[in-house]
Amino acid sequence: MTAQEWGIVIGIAAAATAAIVPWMLLVQARLAVVADRLERLEHKLDEISHHEHDCTQRCIRLETEMRYQRDELARLAEQVAGDPLG
């Protein structure tokens, strides 16, 4: 290839690079924003998961307490029903 042909090839390559680089930087910036949002979403999902676990444990504890109280009330009702003075 002659020097003139090399100049044309280099010019085309430089023009293509100059056209592609801004687009690549824009894509990289958008990907960085998406990555940041995904990270925040992951953090929020972890918080929600922990909160849901705490709520489930609280519900289990309250259900156990209610069953105990129901059994106690049933026992007391039997005592009152069987009490000859009542």
PDB file of N, CA and C in Angstrom:
ATOM      1  N   MET A   1       0.840  -1.180   0.000  1.00  0.00           N
ATOM      2  CA  MET A   1       0.000   0.000   0.000  1.00  0.00           C
ATOM      3  C   MET A   1       0.881   1.239   0.000  1.00  0.00           C
ATOM      4  N   THR A   2       0.379   2.243  -0.636  1.00  0.00           N
ATOM      5  CA  THR A   2       1.126   3.499  -0.709  1.00  0.00           C
ATOM      6  C   THR A   2       0.835   4.317   0.538  1.00  0.00           C
ATOM      7  N   ALA A   3       1.620   5.358   0.701  1.00  0.00           N
ATOM      8  CA  ALA A   3       1.442   6.249   1.849  1.00  0.00           C
ATOM      9  C   ALA A   3       0.073   6.916   1.806  1.00  0.00           C
ATOM     10  N   GLN A   4      -0.390   7.240   0.620  1.00  0.00           N
ATOM     11  CA  GLN A   4      -1.701   7.880   0.476  1.00  0.00           C
ATOM     12  C   GLN A   4      -2.818   6.917   0.898  1.00  0.00           C
ATOM     13  N   GLU A   5      -2.704   5.652   0.517  1.00  0.00           N
ATOM     14  CA  GLU A   5      -3.706   4.656   0.901  1.00  0.00           C
ATOM     15  C   GLU A   5      -3.711   4.445   2.416  1.00  0.00           C
ATOM     16  N   TRP A   6      -2.485   4.412   2.990  1.00  0.00           N
ATOM     17  CA  TRP A   6      -2.385   4.289   4.444  1.00  0.00           C
ATOM     18  C   TRP A   6      -3.024   5.500   5.126  1.00  0.00           C
ATOM     19  N   GLY A   7      -2.848   6.648   4.592  1.00  0.00           N
ATOM     20  CA  GLY A   7      -3.459   7.859   5.146  1.00  0.00           C
ATOM     21  C   GLY A   7      -4.975   7.781   5.115  1.00  0.00           C
ATOM     22  N   ILE A   8      -5.517   7.259   4.014  1.00  0.00           N
ATOM     23  CA  ILE A   8      -6.973   7.101   3.900  1.00  0.00           C
ATOM     24  C   ILE A   8      -7.481   6.091   4.927  1.00  0.00           C
ATOM     25  N   VAL A   9      -6.793   4.962   5.050  1.00  0.00           N
ATOM     26  CA  VAL A   9      -7.195   3.923   6.013  1.00  0.00           C
ATOM     27  C   VAL A   9      -7.153   4.469   7.434  1.00  0.00           C
ATOM     28  N   ILE A  10      -6.068   5.175   7.770  1.00  0.00           N
ATOM     29  CA  ILE A  10      -5.934   5.745   9.115  1.00  0.00           C
ATOM     30  C   ILE A  10      -6.996   6.816   9.352  1.00  0.00           C
ATOM     31  N   GLY A  11      -7.278   7.615   8.339  1.00  0.00           N
ATOM     32  CA  GLY A  11      -8.320   8.643   8.463  1.00  0.00           C
ATOM     33  C   GLY A  11      -9.693   8.043   8.702  1.00  0.00           C
ATOM     34  N   ILE A  12     -10.014   6.984   7.973  1.00  0.00           N
ATOM     35  CA  ILE A  12     -11.302   6.304   8.160  1.00  0.00           C
ATOM     36  C   ILE A  12     -11.379   5.690   9.555  1.00  0.00           C
ATOM     37  N   ALA A  13     -10.283   5.061   9.985  1.00  0.00           N
ATOM     38  CA  ALA A  13     -10.257   4.454  11.320  1.00  0.00           C
ATOM     39  C   ALA A  13     -10.413   5.518  12.403  1.00  0.00           C
ATOM     40  N   ALA A  14      -9.741   6.657  12.232  1.00  0.00           N
ATOM     41  CA  ALA A  14      -9.843   7.742  13.212  1.00  0.00           C
ATOM     42  C   ALA A  14     -11.254   8.317  13.239  1.00  0.00           C
ATOM     43  N   ALA A  15     -11.873   8.476  12.082  1.00  0.00           N
ATOM     44  CA  ALA A  15     -13.243   8.995  12.019  1.00  0.00           C
ATOM     45  C   ALA A  15     -14.223   8.023  12.673  1.00  0.00           C
ATOM     46  N   ALA A  16     -14.037   6.739  12.406  1.00  0.00           N
ATOM     47  CA  ALA A  16     -14.910   5.735  13.019  1.00  0.00           C
ATOM     48  C   ALA A  16     -14.746   5.733  14.534  1.00  0.00           C
ATOM     49  N   THR A  17     -13.502   5.832  14.987  1.00  0.00           N
ATOM     50  CA  THR A  17     -13.242   5.880  16.424  1.00  0.00           C
ATOM     51  C   THR A  17     -13.857   7.123  17.040  1.00  0.00           C
ATOM     52  N   ALA A  18     -13.700   8.255  16.380  1.00  0.00           N
ATOM     53  CA  ALA A  18     -14.267   9.504  16.888  1.00  0.00           C
ATOM     54  C   ALA A  18     -15.790   9.443  16.945  1.00  0.00           C
ATOM     55  N   ALA A  19     -16.398   8.695  16.044  1.00  0.00           N
ATOM     56  CA  ALA A  19     -17.856   8.569  16.042  1.00  0.00           C
ATOM     57  C   ALA A  19     -18.338   7.571  17.095  1.00  0.00           C
ATOM     58  N   ILE A  20     -17.567   6.532  17.347  1.00  0.00           N
ATOM     59  CA  ILE A  20     -17.989   5.467  18.258  1.00  0.00           C
ATOM     60  C   ILE A  20     -17.700   5.796  19.720  1.00  0.00           C
ATOM     61  N   VAL A  21     -16.616   6.482  20.022  1.00  0.00           N
ATOM     62  CA  VAL A  21     -16.210   6.733  21.407  1.00  0.00           C
ATOM     63  C   VAL A  21     -17.287   7.460  22.214  1.00  0.00           C
ATOM     64  N   PRO A  22     -17.891   8.535  21.724  1.00  0.00           N
ATOM     65  CA  PRO A  22     -18.935   9.183  22.535  1.00  0.00           C
ATOM     66  C   PRO A  22     -20.108   8.246  22.837  1.00  0.00           C
ATOM     67  N   TRP A  23     -20.492   7.447  21.854  1.00  0.00           N
ATOM     68  CA  TRP A  23     -21.567   6.487  22.069  1.00  0.00           C
ATOM     69  C   TRP A  23     -21.170   5.463  23.130  1.00  0.00           C
ATOM     70  N   MET A  24     -19.922   4.985  23.066  1.00  0.00           N
ATOM     71  CA  MET A  24     -19.440   4.022  24.051  1.00  0.00           C
ATOM     72  C   MET A  24     -19.427   4.631  25.446  1.00  0.00           C
ATOM     73  N   LEU A  25     -19.026   5.882  25.561  1.00  0.00           N
ATOM     74  CA  LEU A  25     -19.024   6.548  26.865  1.00  0.00           C
ATOM     75  C   LEU A  25     -20.446   6.715  27.394  1.00  0.00           C
ATOM     76  N   LEU A  26     -21.386   7.023  26.521  1.00  0.00           N
ATOM     77  CA  LEU A  26     -22.781   7.151  26.916  1.00  0.00           C
ATOM     78  C   LEU A  26     -23.320   5.811  27.416  1.00  0.00           C
ATOM     79  N   VAL A  27     -23.020   4.754  26.696  1.00  0.00           N
ATOM     80  CA  VAL A  27     -23.463   3.420  27.108  1.00  0.00           C
ATOM     81  C   VAL A  27     -22.846   3.054  28.454  1.00  0.00           C
ATOM     82  N   GLN A  28     -21.572   3.352  28.629  1.00  0.00           N
ATOM     83  CA  GLN A  28     -20.896   3.050  29.893  1.00  0.00           C
ATOM     84  C   GLN A  28     -21.533   3.822  31.037  1.00  0.00           C
ATOM     85  N   ALA A  29     -21.869   5.082  30.819  1.00  0.00           N
ATOM     86  CA  ALA A  29     -22.504   5.892  31.861  1.00  0.00           C
ATOM     87  C   ALA A  29     -23.879   5.330  32.215  1.00  0.00           C
ATOM     88  N   ARG A  30     -24.636   4.937  31.213  1.00  0.00           N
ATOM     89  CA  ARG A  30     -25.959   4.364  31.476  1.00  0.00           C
ATOM     90  C   ARG A  30     -25.841   3.032  32.214  1.00  0.00           C
ATOM     91  N   LEU A  31     -24.863   2.234  31.856  1.00  0.00           N
ATOM     92  CA  LEU A  31     -24.649   0.970  32.561  1.00  0.00           C
ATOM     93  C   LEU A  31     -24.261   1.209  34.017  1.00  0.00           C
ATOM     94  N   ALA A  32     -23.483   2.248  34.267  1.00  0.00           N
ATOM     95  CA  ALA A  32     -23.116   2.581  35.644  1.00  0.00           C
ATOM     96  C   ALA A  32     -24.356   2.970  36.447  1.00  0.00           C
ATOM     97  N   VAL A  33     -25.257   3.732  35.837  1.00  0.00           N
ATOM     98  CA  VAL A  33     -26.499   4.118  36.515  1.00  0.00           C
ATOM     99  C   VAL A  33     -27.349   2.878  36.796  1.00  0.00           C
ATOM    100  N   VAL A  34     -27.460   1.993  35.822  1.00  0.00           N
ATOM    101  CA  VAL A  34     -28.239   0.767  36.005  1.00  0.00           C
ATOM    102  C   VAL A  34     -27.632  -0.084  37.118  1.00  0.00           C
ATOM    103  N   ALA A  35     -26.321  -0.205  37.140  1.00  0.00           N
ATOM    104  CA  ALA A  35     -25.652  -0.990  38.183  1.00  0.00           C
ATOM    105  C   ALA A  35     -25.915  -0.393  39.559  1.00  0.00           C
ATOM    106  N   ASP A  36     -25.875   0.928  39.666  1.00  0.00           N
ATOM    107  CA  ASP A  36     -26.148   1.593  40.944  1.00  0.00           C
ATOM    108  C   ASP A  36     -27.583   1.345  41.387  1.00  0.00           C
ATOM    109  N   ARG A  37     -28.519   1.442  40.469  1.00  0.00           N
ATOM    110  CA  ARG A  37     -29.928   1.204  40.806  1.00  0.00           C
ATOM    111  C   ARG A  37     -30.156  -0.251  41.220  1.00  0.00           C
ATOM    112  N   LEU A  38     -29.497  -1.172  40.550  1.00  0.00           N
ATOM    113  CA  LEU A  38     -29.622  -2.580  40.929  1.00  0.00           C
ATOM    114  C   LEU A  38     -29.064  -2.825  42.325  1.00  0.00           C
ATOM    115  N   GLU A  39     -27.977  -2.164  42.640  1.00  0.00           N
ATOM    116  CA  GLU A  39     -27.383  -2.309  43.967  1.00  0.00           C
ATOM    117  C   GLU A  39     -28.332  -1.782  45.043  1.00  0.00           C
ATOM    118  N   ARG A  40     -28.943  -0.612  44.788  1.00  0.00           N
ATOM    119  CA  ARG A  40     -29.910  -0.055  45.743  1.00  0.00           C
ATOM    120  C   ARG A  40     -31.129  -0.967  45.869  1.00  0.00           C
ATOM    121  N   LEU A  41     -31.581  -1.515  44.750  1.00  0.00           N
ATOM    122  CA  LEU A  41     -32.723  -2.424  44.771  1.00  0.00           C
ATOM    123  C   LEU A  41     -32.396  -3.680  45.576  1.00  0.00           C
ATOM    124  N   GLU A  42     -31.199  -4.195  45.409  1.00  0.00           N
ATOM    125  CA  GLU A  42     -30.781  -5.371  46.172  1.00  0.00           C
ATOM    126  C   GLU A  42     -30.795  -5.069  47.665  1.00  0.00           C
ATOM    127  N   HIS A  43     -30.309  -3.887  48.046  1.00  0.00           N
ATOM    128  CA  HIS A  43     -30.299  -3.484  49.453  1.00  0.00           C
ATOM    129  C   HIS A  43     -31.731  -3.393  49.990  1.00  0.00           C
ATOM    130  N   LYS A  44     -32.627  -2.792  49.212  1.00  0.00           N
ATOM    131  CA  LYS A  44     -34.024  -2.676  49.643  1.00  0.00           C
ATOM    132  C   LYS A  44     -34.674  -4.052  49.771  1.00  0.00           C
ATOM    133  N   LEU A  45     -34.386  -4.950  48.833  1.00  0.00           N
ATOM    134  CA  LEU A  45     -34.945  -6.296  48.907  1.00  0.00           C
ATOM    135  C   LEU A  45     -34.435  -7.044  50.134  1.00  0.00           C
ATOM    136  N   ASP A  46     -33.170  -6.843  50.489  1.00  0.00           N
ATOM    137  CA  ASP A  46     -32.637  -7.447  51.709  1.00  0.00           C
ATOM    138  C   ASP A  46     -33.373  -6.919  52.934  1.00  0.00           C
ATOM    139  N   GLU A  47     -33.606  -5.596  52.976  1.00  0.00           N
ATOM    140  CA  GLU A  47     -34.340  -5.008  54.099  1.00  0.00           C
ATOM    141  C   GLU A  47     -35.752  -5.575  54.180  1.00  0.00           C
ATOM    142  N   ILE A  48     -36.419  -5.674  53.035  1.00  0.00           N
ATOM    143  CA  ILE A  48     -37.782  -6.213  53.009  1.00  0.00           C
ATOM    144  C   ILE A  48     -37.784  -7.668  53.466  1.00  0.00           C
ATOM    145  N   SER A  49     -36.805  -8.431  53.032  1.00  0.00           N
ATOM    146  CA  SER A  49     -36.718  -9.835  53.415  1.00  0.00           C
ATOM    147  C   SER A  49     -36.534  -9.979  54.923  1.00  0.00           C
ATOM    148  N   HIS A  50     -35.652  -9.167  55.503  1.00  0.00           N
ATOM    149  CA  HIS A  50     -35.438  -9.218  56.953  1.00  0.00           C
ATOM    150  C   HIS A  50     -36.708  -8.799  57.694  1.00  0.00           C
ATOM    151  N   HIS A  51     -37.371  -7.762  57.199  1.00  0.00           N
ATOM    152  CA  HIS A  51     -38.605  -7.290  57.834  1.00  0.00           C
ATOM    153  C   HIS A  51     -39.684  -8.369  57.755  1.00  0.00           C
ATOM    154  N   GLU A  52     -39.809  -9.027  56.606  1.00  0.00           N
ATOM    155  CA  GLU A  52     -40.799 -10.086  56.437  1.00  0.00           C
ATOM    156  C   GLU A  52     -40.504 -11.242  57.385  1.00  0.00           C
ATOM    157  N   HIS A  53     -39.237 -11.574  57.546  1.00  0.00           N
ATOM    158  CA  HIS A  53     -38.850 -12.647  58.469  1.00  0.00           C
ATOM    159  C   HIS A  53     -39.232 -12.269  59.895  1.00  0.00           C
ATOM    160  N   ASP A  54     -38.947 -11.020  60.286  1.00  0.00           N
ATOM    161  CA  ASP A  54     -39.307 -10.559  61.629  1.00  0.00           C
ATOM    162  C   ASP A  54     -40.817 -10.615  61.836  1.00  0.00           C
ATOM    163  N   CYS A  55     -41.576 -10.187  60.833  1.00  0.00           N
ATOM    164  CA  CYS A  55     -43.042 -10.215  60.932  1.00  0.00           C
ATOM    165  C   CYS A  55     -43.550 -11.648  61.050  1.00  0.00           C
ATOM    166  N   THR A  56     -42.968 -12.552  60.300  1.00  0.00           N
ATOM    167  CA  THR A  56     -43.372 -13.956  60.366  1.00  0.00           C
ATOM    168  C   THR A  56     -43.097 -14.525  61.749  1.00  0.00           C
ATOM    169  N   GLN A  57     -41.929 -14.224  62.299  1.00  0.00           N
ATOM    170  CA  GLN A  57     -41.602 -14.703  63.641  1.00  0.00           C
ATOM    171  C   GLN A  57     -42.567 -14.129  64.677  1.00  0.00           C
ATOM    172  N   ARG A  58     -42.901 -12.855  64.537  1.00  0.00           N
ATOM    173  CA  ARG A  58     -43.838 -12.214  65.458  1.00  0.00           C
ATOM    174  C   ARG A  58     -45.217 -12.865  65.346  1.00  0.00           C
ATOM    175  N   CYS A  59     -45.663 -13.148  64.129  1.00  0.00           N
ATOM    176  CA  CYS A  59     -46.963 -13.809  63.924  1.00  0.00           C
ATOM    177  C   CYS A  59     -46.975 -15.197  64.552  1.00  0.00           C
ATOM    178  N   ILE A  60     -45.900 -15.931  64.396  1.00  0.00           N
ATOM    179  CA  ILE A  60     -45.809 -17.270  64.983  1.00  0.00           C
ATOM    180  C   ILE A  60     -45.888 -17.176  66.500  1.00  0.00           C
ATOM    181  N   ARG A  61     -45.155 -16.227  67.072  1.00  0.00           N
ATOM    182  CA  ARG A  61     -45.167 -16.052  68.521  1.00  0.00           C
ATOM    183  C   ARG A  61     -46.568 -15.670  69.015  1.00  0.00           C
ATOM    184  N   LEU A  62     -47.225 -14.739  68.320  1.00  0.00           N
ATOM    185  CA  LEU A  62     -48.561 -14.310  68.727  1.00  0.00           C
ATOM    186  C   LEU A  62     -49.580 -15.435  68.576  1.00  0.00           C
ATOM    187  N   GLU A  63     -49.460 -16.223  67.523  1.00  0.00           N
ATOM    188  CA  GLU A  63     -50.377 -17.345  67.341  1.00  0.00           C
ATOM    189  C   GLU A  63     -50.207 -18.361  68.464  1.00  0.00           C
ATOM    190  N   THR A  64     -48.971 -18.608  68.868  1.00  0.00           N
ATOM    191  CA  THR A  64     -48.708 -19.531  69.969  1.00  0.00           C
ATOM    192  C   THR A  64     -49.317 -18.998  71.258  1.00  0.00           C
ATOM    193  N   GLU A  65     -49.150 -17.705  71.506  1.00  0.00           N
ATOM    194  CA  GLU A  65     -49.730 -17.103  72.706  1.00  0.00           C
ATOM    195  C   GLU A  65     -51.252 -17.177  72.684  1.00  0.00           C
ATOM    196  N   MET A  66     -51.858 -16.938  71.517  1.00  0.00           N
ATOM    197  CA  MET A  66     -53.318 -17.007  71.413  1.00  0.00           C
ATOM    198  C   MET A  66     -53.823 -18.426  71.655  1.00  0.00           C
ATOM    199  N   ARG A  67     -53.114 -19.422  71.147  1.00  0.00           N
ATOM    200  CA  ARG A  67     -53.515 -20.810  71.390  1.00  0.00           C
ATOM    201  C   ARG A  67     -53.445 -21.132  72.879  1.00  0.00           C
ATOM    202  N   TYR A  68     -52.387 -20.675  73.523  1.00  0.00           N
ATOM    203  CA  TYR A  68     -52.246 -20.902  74.963  1.00  0.00           C
ATOM    204  C   TYR A  68     -53.401 -20.241  75.712  1.00  0.00           C
ATOM    205  N   GLN A  69     -53.720 -18.996  75.359  1.00  0.00           N
ATOM    206  CA  GLN A  69     -54.809 -18.287  76.034  1.00  0.00           C
ATOM    207  C   GLN A  69     -56.156 -18.956  75.761  1.00  0.00           C
ATOM    208  N   ARG A  70     -56.362 -19.441  74.536  1.00  0.00           N
ATOM    209  CA  ARG A  70     -57.603 -20.149  74.205  1.00  0.00           C
ATOM    210  C   ARG A  70     -57.739 -21.408  75.057  1.00  0.00           C
ATOM    211  N   ASP A  71     -56.633 -22.132  75.201  1.00  0.00           N
ATOM    212  CA  ASP A  71     -56.659 -23.346  76.016  1.00  0.00           C
ATOM    213  C   ASP A  71     -56.924 -23.009  77.477  1.00  0.00           C
ATOM    214  N   GLU A  72     -56.311 -21.931  77.954  1.00  0.00           N
ATOM    215  CA  GLU A  72     -56.542 -21.506  79.339  1.00  0.00           C
ATOM    216  C   GLU A  72     -58.001 -21.098  79.550  1.00  0.00           C
ATOM    217  N   LEU A  73     -58.574 -20.369  78.602  1.00  0.00           N
ATOM    218  CA  LEU A  73     -59.976 -19.972  78.710  1.00  0.00           C
ATOM    219  C   LEU A  73     -60.894 -21.192  78.690  1.00  0.00           C
ATOM    220  N   ALA A  74     -60.578 -22.167  77.853  1.00  0.00           N
ATOM    221  CA  ALA A  74     -61.377 -23.394  77.808  1.00  0.00           C
ATOM    222  C   ALA A  74     -61.286 -24.132  79.138  1.00  0.00           C
ATOM    223  N   ARG A  75     -60.096 -24.189  79.704  1.00  0.00           N
ATOM    224  CA  ARG A  75     -59.911 -24.853  81.000  1.00  0.00           C
ATOM    225  C   ARG A  75     -60.692 -24.125  82.082  1.00  0.00           C
ATOM    226  N   LEU A  76     -60.626 -22.797  82.091  1.00  0.00           N
ATOM    227  CA  LEU A  76     -61.370 -22.018  83.083  1.00  0.00           C
ATOM    228  C   LEU A  76     -62.877 -22.173  82.888  1.00  0.00           C
ATOM    229  N   ALA A  77     -63.321 -22.228  81.638  1.00  0.00           N
ATOM    230  CA  ALA A  77     -64.748 -22.417  81.368  1.00  0.00           C
ATOM    231  C   ALA A  77     -65.216 -23.769  81.892  1.00  0.00           C
ATOM    232  N   GLU A  78     -64.388 -24.798  81.745  1.00  0.00           N
ATOM    233  CA  GLU A  78     -64.731 -26.115  82.281  1.00  0.00           C
ATOM    234  C   GLU A  78     -64.800 -26.079  83.798  1.00  0.00           C
ATOM    235  N   GLN A  79     -63.854 -25.368  84.416  1.00  0.00           N
ATOM    236  CA  GLN A  79     -63.865 -25.256  85.874  1.00  0.00           C
ATOM    237  C   GLN A  79     -65.128 -24.550  86.353  1.00  0.00           C
ATOM    238  N   VAL A  80     -65.490 -23.464  85.677  1.00  0.00           N
ATOM    239  CA  VAL A  80     -66.678 -22.705  86.074  1.00  0.00           C
ATOM    240  C   VAL A  80     -67.936 -23.551  85.857  1.00  0.00           C
ATOM    241  N   ALA A  81     -67.996 -24.274  84.752  1.00  0.00           N
ATOM    242  CA  ALA A  81     -69.164 -25.110  84.463  1.00  0.00           C
ATOM    243  C   ALA A  81     -69.275 -26.264  85.450  1.00  0.00           C
ATOM    244  N   GLY A  82     -68.157 -26.773  85.916  1.00  0.00           N
ATOM    245  CA  GLY A  82     -68.165 -27.899  86.842  1.00  0.00           C
ATOM    246  C   GLY A  82     -68.233 -27.470  88.295  1.00  0.00           C
ATOM    247  N   ASP A  83     -68.162 -26.184  88.584  1.00  0.00           N
ATOM    248  CA  ASP A  83     -68.188 -25.670  89.959  1.00  0.00           C
ATOM    249  C   ASP A  83     -69.627 -25.709  90.480  1.00  0.00           C
ATOM    250  N   PRO A  84     -69.894 -26.465  91.560  1.00  0.00           N
ATOM    251  CA  PRO A  84     -71.267 -26.560  92.063  1.00  0.00           C
ATOM    252  C   PRO A  84     -71.772 -25.236  92.655  1.00  0.00           C
ATOM    253  N   LEU A  85     -70.866 -24.354  93.023  1.00  0.00           N
ATOM    254  CA  LEU A  85     -71.287 -23.075  93.597  1.00  0.00           C
ATOM    255  C   LEU A  85     -71.602 -22.052  92.523  1.00  0.00           C
ATOM    256  N   GLY A  86     -71.180 -22.311  91.301  1.00  0.00           N
ATOM    257  CA  GLY A  86     -71.311 -21.347  90.241  1.00  0.00           C
ATOM    258  C   GLY A  86     -72.653 -21.284  89.660  1.00  0.00           C
TER     259      GLY A  86
END
